[in-house]
C-alpha atoms as a PDB file:
ATOM      1  CA  UNK A   1      70.636 116.756  -3.779  1.00  0.00           C
ATOM      2  CA  UNK A   2      72.489 115.102  -0.905  1.00  0.00           C
ATOM      3  CA  UNK A   3      73.319 117.311   2.030  1.00  0.00           C
ATOM      4  CA  UNK A   4      75.668 116.320   4.827  1.00  0.00           C
ATOM      5  CA  UNK A   5      76.043 117.991   8.161  1.00  0.00           C
ATOM      6  CA  UNK A   6      79.166 117.651  10.253  1.00  0.00           C
ATOM      7  CA  UNK A   7      79.993 118.786  13.727  1.00  0.00           C
ATOM      8  CA  UNK A   8      83.692 119.246  14.429  1.00  0.00           C
ATOM      9  CA  UNK A   9      85.264 119.873  17.824  1.00  0.00           C
ATOM     10  CA  UNK A  10      88.672 121.490  17.460  1.00  0.00           C
ATOM     11  CA  UNK A  11      90.911 121.354  20.526  1.00  0.00           C
ATOM     12  CA  UNK A  12      94.241 123.001  21.157  1.00  0.00           C
ATOM     13  CA  UNK A  13      95.386 126.571  20.657  1.00  0.00           C
ATOM     14  CA  UNK A  14      92.496 128.027  18.670  1.00  0.00           C
ATOM     15  CA  UNK A  15      91.450 131.097  20.629  1.00  0.00           C
ATOM     16  CA  UNK A  16      93.122 134.447  20.061  1.00  0.00           C
ATOM     17  CA  UNK A  17      94.809 133.293  16.839  1.00  0.00           C
ATOM     18  CA  UNK A  18      92.143 134.221  14.245  1.00  0.00           C
ATOM     19  CA  UNK A  19      90.712 130.720  14.008  1.00  0.00           C
ATOM     20  CA  UNK A  20      87.004 131.600  13.860  1.00  0.00           C
ATOM     21  CA  UNK A  21      87.457 134.235  11.116  1.00  0.00           C
ATOM     22  CA  UNK A  22      89.564 131.680   9.229  1.00  0.00           C
ATOM     23  CA  UNK A  23      86.721 129.135   9.495  1.00  0.00           C
ATOM     24  CA  UNK A  24      84.263 131.777   8.263  1.00  0.00           C
ATOM     25  CA  UNK A  25      86.349 132.563   5.168  1.00  0.00           C
ATOM     26  CA  UNK A  26      86.921 128.878   4.429  1.00  0.00           C
ATOM     27  CA  UNK A  27      83.200 128.113   4.698  1.00  0.00           C
ATOM     28  CA  UNK A  28      82.432 130.981   2.326  1.00  0.00           C
ATOM     29  CA  UNK A  29      84.962 129.646  -0.178  1.00  0.00           C
ATOM     30  CA  UNK A  30      83.149 126.293  -0.275  1.00  0.00           C
ATOM     31  CA  UNK A  31      79.621 127.807  -0.090  1.00  0.00           C
ATOM     32  CA  UNK A  32      78.772 126.021   3.163  1.00  0.00           C
ATOM     33  CA  UNK A  33      76.269 126.836   5.875  1.00  0.00           C
ATOM     34  CA  UNK A  34      76.752 126.558   9.620  1.00  0.00           C
ATOM     35  CA  UNK A  35      78.348 128.217  12.599  1.00  0.00           C
ATOM     36  CA  UNK A  36      81.477 128.275  14.702  1.00  0.00           C
ATOM     37  CA  UNK A  37      81.811 129.157  18.388  1.00  0.00           C
ATOM     38  CA  UNK A  38      84.230 128.968  21.280  1.00  0.00           C
ATOM     39  CA  UNK A  39      83.770 126.280  23.897  1.00  0.00           C
ATOM     40  CA  UNK A  40      85.551 125.514  27.138  1.00  0.00           C
ATOM     41  CA  UNK A  41      87.946 123.182  25.322  1.00  0.00           C
ATOM     42  CA  UNK A  42      88.389 124.898  21.957  1.00  0.00           C
ATOM     43  CA  UNK A  43      86.055 125.615  19.064  1.00  0.00           C
ATOM     44  CA  UNK A  44      82.910 123.830  17.927  1.00  0.00           C
ATOM     45  CA  UNK A  45      81.924 124.045  14.250  1.00  0.00           C
ATOM     46  CA  UNK A  46      78.888 122.780  12.406  1.00  0.00           C
ATOM     47  CA  UNK A  47      78.970 122.808   8.633  1.00  0.00           C
ATOM     48  CA  UNK A  48      76.413 121.715   6.105  1.00  0.00           C
ATOM     49  CA  UNK A  49      76.473 121.347   2.352  1.00  0.00           C
ATOM     50  CA  UNK A  50      77.157 118.963  -0.494  1.00  0.00           C
ATOM     51  CA  UNK A  51      79.473 116.078   0.468  1.00  0.00           C
ATOM     52  CA  UNK A  52      82.485 117.108  -1.652  1.00  0.00           C
ATOM     53  CA  UNK A  53      82.697 120.748  -0.461  1.00  0.00           C
ATOM     54  CA  UNK A  54      82.263 119.593   3.161  1.00  0.00           C
ATOM     55  CA  UNK A  55      85.160 117.154   2.716  1.00  0.00           C
ATOM     56  CA  UNK A  56      87.292 119.890   1.116  1.00  0.00           C
ATOM     57  CA  UNK A  57      86.413 122.253   3.973  1.00  0.00           C
ATOM     58  CA  UNK A  58      87.546 119.691   6.572  1.00  0.00           C
ATOM     59  CA  UNK A  59      90.801 119.126   4.695  1.00  0.00           C
ATOM     60  CA  UNK A  60      91.284 122.892   4.503  1.00  0.00           C
ATOM     61  CA  UNK A  61      90.808 123.308   8.263  1.00  0.00           C
ATOM     62  CA  UNK A  62      93.557 120.767   8.898  1.00  0.00           C
ATOM     63  CA  UNK A  63      95.885 122.053   6.164  1.00  0.00           C
ATOM     64  CA  UNK A  64      95.386 125.836   6.110  1.00  0.00           C
ATOM     65  CA  UNK A  65      94.655 126.812   9.730  1.00  0.00           C
ATOM     66  CA  UNK A  66      96.287 129.994  11.094  1.00  0.00           C
ATOM     67  CA  UNK A  67     100.016 129.561  11.764  1.00  0.00           C
ATOM     68  CA  UNK A  68      99.686 130.196  15.506  1.00  0.00           C
ATOM     69  CA  UNK A  69      96.917 127.619  15.900  1.00  0.00           C
ATOM     70  CA  UNK A  70      97.871 124.203  17.198  1.00  0.00           C
ATOM     71  CA  UNK A  71      94.936 121.899  16.653  1.00  0.00           C
ATOM     72  CA  UNK A  72      93.604 118.415  17.083  1.00  0.00           C
ATOM     73  CA  UNK A  73      90.309 117.680  15.325  1.00  0.00           C
ATOM     74  CA  UNK A  74      87.625 115.328  16.622  1.00  0.00           C
ATOM     75  CA  UNK A  75      85.350 114.958  13.597  1.00  0.00           C
ATOM     76  CA  UNK A  76      82.095 113.081  13.557  1.00  0.00           C
ATOM     77  CA  UNK A  77      78.993 112.934  11.387  1.00  0.00           C
ATOM     78  CA  UNK A  78      76.112 114.730  13.051  1.00  0.00           C
ATOM     79  CA  UNK A  79      73.616 113.647  10.425  1.00  0.00           C
ATOM     80  CA  UNK A  80      72.986 112.958   6.774  1.00  0.00           C
ATOM     81  CA  UNK A  81      70.113 114.849   5.242  1.00  0.00           C
ATOM     82  CA  UNK A  82      68.372 114.648   1.901  1.00  0.00           C
ATOM     83  CA  UNK A  83      66.181 117.736   2.176  1.00  0.00           C
ATOM     84  CA  UNK A  84      67.888 120.841   0.759  1.00  0.00           C
ATOM     85  CA  UNK A  85      65.138 122.961   2.319  1.00  0.00           C
ATOM     86  CA  UNK A  86      66.011 122.093   5.921  1.00  0.00           C
ATOM     87  CA  UNK A  87      65.889 125.336   7.863  1.00  0.00           C
ATOM     88  CA  UNK A  88      69.591 125.796   8.634  1.00  0.00           C
ATOM     89  CA  UNK A  89      70.493 124.909   5.064  1.00  0.00           C
ATOM     90  CA  UNK A  90      69.022 128.249   4.055  1.00  0.00           C
ATOM     91  CA  UNK A  91      71.448 130.166   6.263  1.00  0.00           C
ATOM     92  CA  UNK A  92      75.073 130.927   5.466  1.00  0.00           C
ATOM     93  CA  UNK A  93      77.749 131.267   8.104  1.00  0.00           C
ATOM     94  CA  UNK A  94      77.832 134.953   9.064  1.00  0.00           C
ATOM     95  CA  UNK A  95      80.240 137.185  10.884  1.00  0.00           C
ATOM     96  CA  UNK A  96      77.725 137.247  13.744  1.00  0.00           C
ATOM     97  CA  UNK A  97      78.133 133.473  14.082  1.00  0.00           C
ATOM     98  CA  UNK A  98      81.902 133.880  14.101  1.00  0.00           C
ATOM     99  CA  UNK A  99      81.822 136.485  16.853  1.00  0.00           C
ATOM    100  CA  UNK A 100      79.544 134.577  19.240  1.00  0.00           C
END
């Protein structure tokens, strides 16, 4: 099974608008693993899963983000993995990750 891992830096108005909980729910919908956290310039997300759900997740972030969010997305591939047993692949995004 192919697994892709993406790291996405989201800049703009993303703090205080429910963006991290939105990312959490979207990741759950597509059965992805990863985390999301605030940074000095916005939000940094890492997601991991099968290629198609990851692509749908990225499209969903751009299309369905909270109405008060104003975003620009800098997306890049952090790695392409073939091992489904890689340690973080066993961990789903949790509310703890969202709140960090």
